[in-house]
Every structure is written in structure tokens, then in C-alpha cells.
Protein backbone atom coordinates (compact mmCIF):
# COMPACT_ATOMS: atom_id res chain seq x y z
CA UNK A 1 -0.04 -0.41 -0.04
CA UNK A 2 1.31 3.58 -0.91
CA UNK A 3 1.66 5.65 1.95
CA UNK A 4 1.30 9.57 0.66
CA UNK A 5 2.26 12.56 2.39
CA UNK A 6 0.71 15.88 1.81
CA UNK A 7 2.40 19.25 2.98
CA UNK A 8 0.30 22.08 2.20
CA UNK A 9 -1.38 24.84 4.72
CA UNK A 10 -4.30 25.19 3.05
CA UNK A 11 -7.13 22.67 4.13
CA UNK A 12 -9.48 23.28 0.87
CA UNK A 13 -6.48 22.55 -1.40
CA UNK A 14 -5.15 19.50 0.79
CA UNK A 15 -8.44 18.12 0.41
CA UNK A 16 -8.31 18.77 -3.28
CA UNK A 17 -5.38 16.46 -2.98
CA UNK A 18 -7.22 13.69 -1.45
CA UNK A 19 -9.73 13.76 -3.78
CA UNK A 20 -7.60 13.11 -6.06
CA UNK A 21 -5.31 10.80 -4.61
CA UNK A 22 -8.78 8.46 -4.26
CA UNK A 23 -8.83 8.38 -7.86
CA UNK A 24 -4.88 8.23 -8.58
CA UNK A 25 -4.33 5.82 -5.44
CA UNK A 26 -6.74 3.89 -4.21
CA UNK A 27 -6.51 2.50 -0.72
CA UNK A 28 -3.54 5.03 -0.31
CA UNK A 29 -2.17 5.99 3.70
CA UNK A 30 -2.40 9.81 3.32
CA UNK A 31 -1.05 11.68 5.78
CA UNK A 32 -1.75 15.83 5.73
CA UNK A 33 0.44 17.90 7.04
CA UNK A 34 0.50 22.19 7.33
CA UNK A 35 4.11 22.60 7.68
CA UNK A 36 7.51 21.24 6.12
CA UNK A 37 8.83 20.67 9.47
CA UNK A 38 5.46 18.31 10.12
CA UNK A 39 6.22 16.76 6.75
CA UNK A 40 9.80 15.73 7.47
CA UNK A 41 8.51 14.18 11.18
CA UNK A 42 6.29 12.10 8.88
CA UNK A 43 8.75 10.52 6.41
CA UNK A 44 10.77 10.04 9.24
CA UNK A 45 8.19 7.60 11.10
CA UNK A 46 7.58 4.80 7.91
CA UNK A 47 8.66 5.01 4.43
CA UNK A 48 7.16 7.61 2.34
CA UNK A 49 6.39 6.91 -1.76
CA UNK A 50 5.36 10.31 -2.86
CA UNK A 51 5.57 13.77 -1.14
CA UNK A 52 2.79 16.49 -2.68
CA UNK A 53 5.03 19.59 -0.99
CA UNK A 54 3.58 23.06 -1.45
CA UNK A 55 5.85 25.85 -2.44
CA UNK A 56 4.64 28.26 0.05
CA UNK A 57 4.28 26.67 3.79
CA UNK A 58 4.74 28.91 6.88
CA UNK A 59 7.87 27.61 7.74
CA UNK A 60 9.19 27.04 4.26
CA UNK A 61 9.09 29.38 1.51
CA UNK A 62 10.39 28.95 -2.39
CA UNK A 63 12.94 26.04 -3.50
CA UNK A 64 14.65 26.35 -0.52
CA UNK A 65 11.94 23.55 1.11
CA UNK A 66 11.96 21.53 -2.16
CA UNK A 67 16.14 21.45 -1.96
CA UNK A 68 16.25 20.27 1.24
CA UNK A 69 13.69 17.29 1.03
CA UNK A 70 15.42 16.47 -1.66
CA UNK A 71 18.80 16.68 0.47
CA UNK A 72 17.40 14.55 3.34
CA UNK A 73 15.72 12.47 1.55
CA UNK A 74 17.24 11.22 -1.96
CA UNK A 75 15.28 8.31 -2.59
CA UNK A 76 11.61 10.13 -2.42
CA UNK A 77 9.61 11.33 -5.28
CA UNK A 78 8.36 14.86 -4.58
CA UNK A 79 6.30 16.45 -6.09
CA UNK A 80 5.79 20.15 -6.01
CA UNK A 81 2.48 22.17 -5.92
CA UNK A 82 2.25 25.89 -6.68
CA UNK A 83 -0.04 28.44 -7.16
CA UNK A 84 2.91 29.29 -10.30
CA UNK A 85 2.53 28.10 -13.78
CA UNK A 86 5.61 29.67 -14.98
CA UNK A 87 7.92 28.23 -16.85
CA UNK A 88 11.41 29.44 -15.18
CA UNK A 89 9.59 27.96 -11.58
CA UNK A 90 8.47 24.75 -13.15
CA UNK A 91 11.88 23.95 -14.89
CA UNK A 92 13.64 25.48 -11.54
CA UNK A 93 11.41 22.74 -9.53
CA UNK A 94 12.07 19.66 -11.92
CA UNK A 95 16.16 21.00 -12.00
CA UNK A 96 16.42 20.54 -8.46
CA UNK A 97 14.77 16.85 -8.55
CA UNK A 98 11.25 17.02 -8.23
CA UNK A 99 9.41 14.13 -9.92
CA UNK A 100 6.87 16.16 -11.23
CA UNK A 101 5.19 19.57 -10.61
CA UNK A 102 1.40 20.23 -10.03
CA UNK A 103 -0.47 23.57 -10.25
CA UNK A 104 -2.93 24.64 -8.45
CA UNK A 105 -4.74 25.73 -11.16
CA UNK A 106 -4.90 22.29 -12.30
CA UNK A 107 -8.78 20.04 -12.76
CA UNK A 108 -9.11 17.02 -10.94
CA UNK A 109 -8.54 15.38 -14.05
CA UNK A 110 -5.29 16.39 -14.22
CA UNK A 111 -3.95 16.02 -10.38
CA UNK A 112 -5.52 12.40 -11.55
CA UNK A 113 -3.01 11.93 -14.11
CA UNK A 114 -0.42 13.40 -12.75
CA UNK A 115 0.25 11.72 -9.86
CA UNK A 116 -0.48 8.23 -11.19
CA UNK A 117 2.22 8.66 -13.72
CA UNK A 118 4.61 10.07 -10.99
CA UNK A 119 3.86 6.83 -8.38
CA UNK A 120 4.18 5.10 -11.98
CA UNK A 121 7.78 6.22 -12.10
CA UNK A 122 7.07 8.67 -14.58
CA UNK A 123 7.54 12.63 -14.36
CA UNK A 124 4.80 14.88 -15.35
CA UNK A 125 5.14 18.84 -15.62
CA UNK A 126 2.47 21.10 -17.50
CA UNK A 127 3.53 21.86 -21.37
CA UNK A 128 6.20 24.58 -20.92
CA UNK A 129 7.48 27.09 -23.69
CA UNK A 130 10.77 26.33 -25.11
CA UNK A 131 12.87 29.46 -23.33
CA UNK A 132 17.02 28.86 -23.54
CA UNK A 133 17.39 31.84 -20.92
CA UNK A 134 15.00 30.02 -19.18
CA UNK A 135 16.79 27.23 -18.60
CA UNK A 136 19.49 28.75 -18.18
CA UNK A 137 18.63 31.03 -15.67
CA UNK A 138 17.52 27.45 -13.91
CA UNK A 139 20.54 25.61 -13.93
CA UNK A 140 22.53 28.33 -12.38
CA UNK A 141 19.91 28.33 -9.29
CA UNK A 142 19.57 24.73 -9.66
CA UNK A 143 23.58 24.68 -8.96
CA UNK A 144 23.03 26.00 -5.78
CA UNK A 145 23.06 23.78 -2.63
CA UNK A 146 20.57 23.76 0.08
CA UNK A 147 22.43 26.43 2.63
CA UNK A 148 22.78 28.56 -0.52
CA UNK A 149 19.67 28.28 -1.09
CA UNK A 150 18.22 29.33 2.01
CA UNK A 151 20.36 32.38 1.99
CA UNK A 152 19.40 33.23 -1.05
CA UNK A 153 15.51 33.12 0.30
CA UNK A 154 17.12 35.08 2.90
CA UNK A 155 18.37 38.42 0.43
CA UNK A 156 14.83 38.04 -0.78
CA UNK A 157 13.06 38.85 2.73
CA UNK A 158 16.08 41.42 3.01
CA UNK A 159 17.44 40.04 6.37
CA UNK A 160 20.56 41.16 7.16
CA UNK A 161 23.65 38.65 6.88
CA UNK A 162 23.72 38.36 11.27
CA UNK A 163 20.30 37.60 10.54
CA UNK A 164 20.40 34.62 7.91
CA UNK A 165 23.45 33.53 10.40
CA UNK A 166 20.86 33.39 13.43
CA UNK A 167 18.52 31.58 11.33
CA UNK A 168 20.86 28.76 9.93
CA UNK A 169 22.51 28.89 13.15
CA UNK A 170 26.11 29.70 10.99
CA UNK A 171 28.96 32.43 12.15
CA UNK A 172 28.19 35.81 9.60
CA UNK A 173 31.57 34.90 8.04
CA UNK A 174 30.25 31.79 6.95
CA UNK A 175 27.44 33.56 6.03
CA UNK A 176 29.86 36.36 3.80
CA UNK A 177 31.83 32.97 2.41
CA UNK A 178 28.34 31.46 0.86
CA UNK A 179 27.68 34.44 -0.43
CA UNK A 180 30.64 34.73 -2.65
CA UNK A 181 30.23 31.59 -3.78
CA UNK A 182 26.13 32.68 -4.37
CA UNK A 183 27.18 35.46 -6.75
CA UNK A 184 29.80 33.34 -8.80
CA UNK A 185 27.41 30.51 -9.23
CA UNK A 186 24.42 32.89 -10.26
CA UNK A 187 27.10 35.05 -12.43
CA UNK A 188 25.82 38.17 -10.45
CA UNK A 189 27.87 40.77 -8.62
CA UNK A 190 25.68 42.10 -5.72
CA UNK A 191 22.34 41.56 -3.28
CA UNK A 192 20.56 43.57 -5.67
CA UNK A 193 21.14 41.65 -8.56
CA UNK A 194 20.75 38.46 -6.74
CA UNK A 195 17.69 38.96 -5.88
CA UNK A 196 16.65 40.33 -8.72
CA UNK A 197 17.57 36.90 -10.71
CA UNK A 198 15.78 34.56 -8.02
CA UNK A 199 12.28 36.52 -8.05
CA UNK A 200 12.15 35.33 -12.07
CA UNK A 201 12.22 31.85 -10.87
CA UNK A 202 10.90 31.93 -7.97
CA UNK A 203 6.17 31.99 -7.27
CA UNK A 204 6.69 33.73 -3.50
């Protein structure tokens, strides 16, 4: 029997996903979580066949949550759930290892199709335009480590180095060293440019 975890902080959308799961995976054991921390706790208790992960949770926003889950549970298929359908966002999520990308605007039959495909070992995403620039941009951001992605999220939130250091439990010097690598990987020269680039890819 499949065990599936839903991580979404909107009860109505969790109900919609449950309806899709009833059709795509009848009899599956489904556990609902409202935060990334709850989802991680659920994943520690027993093997999980699929995680349905909203990109915007109370304790995780943007791609940092996906990167963290992929780093800690690389064998668990993750289907990203997002209100955004922008091609760069979809490409970024898939580039970070998501097994699928399901827009929240998808109709129930489309959600069922997506979930069934992912559980069968395939990938699934909405049709995307062939945009070389978007691919390049997504590839640059996807090259960041989970820690560097969290730092980038901190920059987007307007937090100072010392605040980001506190959030990550490291020294301010470590943050400065990471920023050098972040700027190099993104091909930018300062915080402002990094934030502008990140917002092109991020639905948050």
C-alpha cells in the first residue's frame, strides 16, 4: 500500500489533493501536514512513496523546502504543488530533482493523471515553452546547495547577514563566504542582482 504525505497549509486544497489521490491511488495511506517540519516528521516515521509539497508553507518559502527535502530524502519522489505556472519556476523545481510539478489551477482529472504518472515512476509537468534563457537561469540557481538556497531566500526577504546567520545557526563570516559562491554561481555581482534573478524563478 502506498504511503503519501501532503504538505500544504490550505485545508481546502489538501481536500482537493485527497480527492485526486482517491482516484489515482485507491487505498493509499495519506497523511496531511500543514508545514515542512510536520512533513519531515512524517517522513521519519515510515517509508514514503510520494510527497506532495506546496512551495509556500509557514516554515518554508520558495525552493529552499524542496532542496532540503531532496537533500535529506533523495529516494522519495516529490511532486511540487504551486500557485505559479511560470515556466522558469517549473524548470527550476524539476532541475532541483522534483519528480513532477502540479499547478494549483489544474483540474481534478489533470491532478489524477499527474499523481498516477509520478507514482508509476514517470515525471509529470505542464507543457512548457522552449525558452533557452529560462533553462540557463534555472540551471544557475539549481547549482546552489541547500544552504546557499536558504541564504538566497534570506536575501529575498531583506534580511541582514547576521540575521541569516542566526536563522541557519552559523557565523556571519560563513554567510559572507557562502555569498561569494552564490554570486559566482548566479553570475551576479551583488545582493540586489541576486534577488532580482531569484524572483524571476520563484513564485513566492
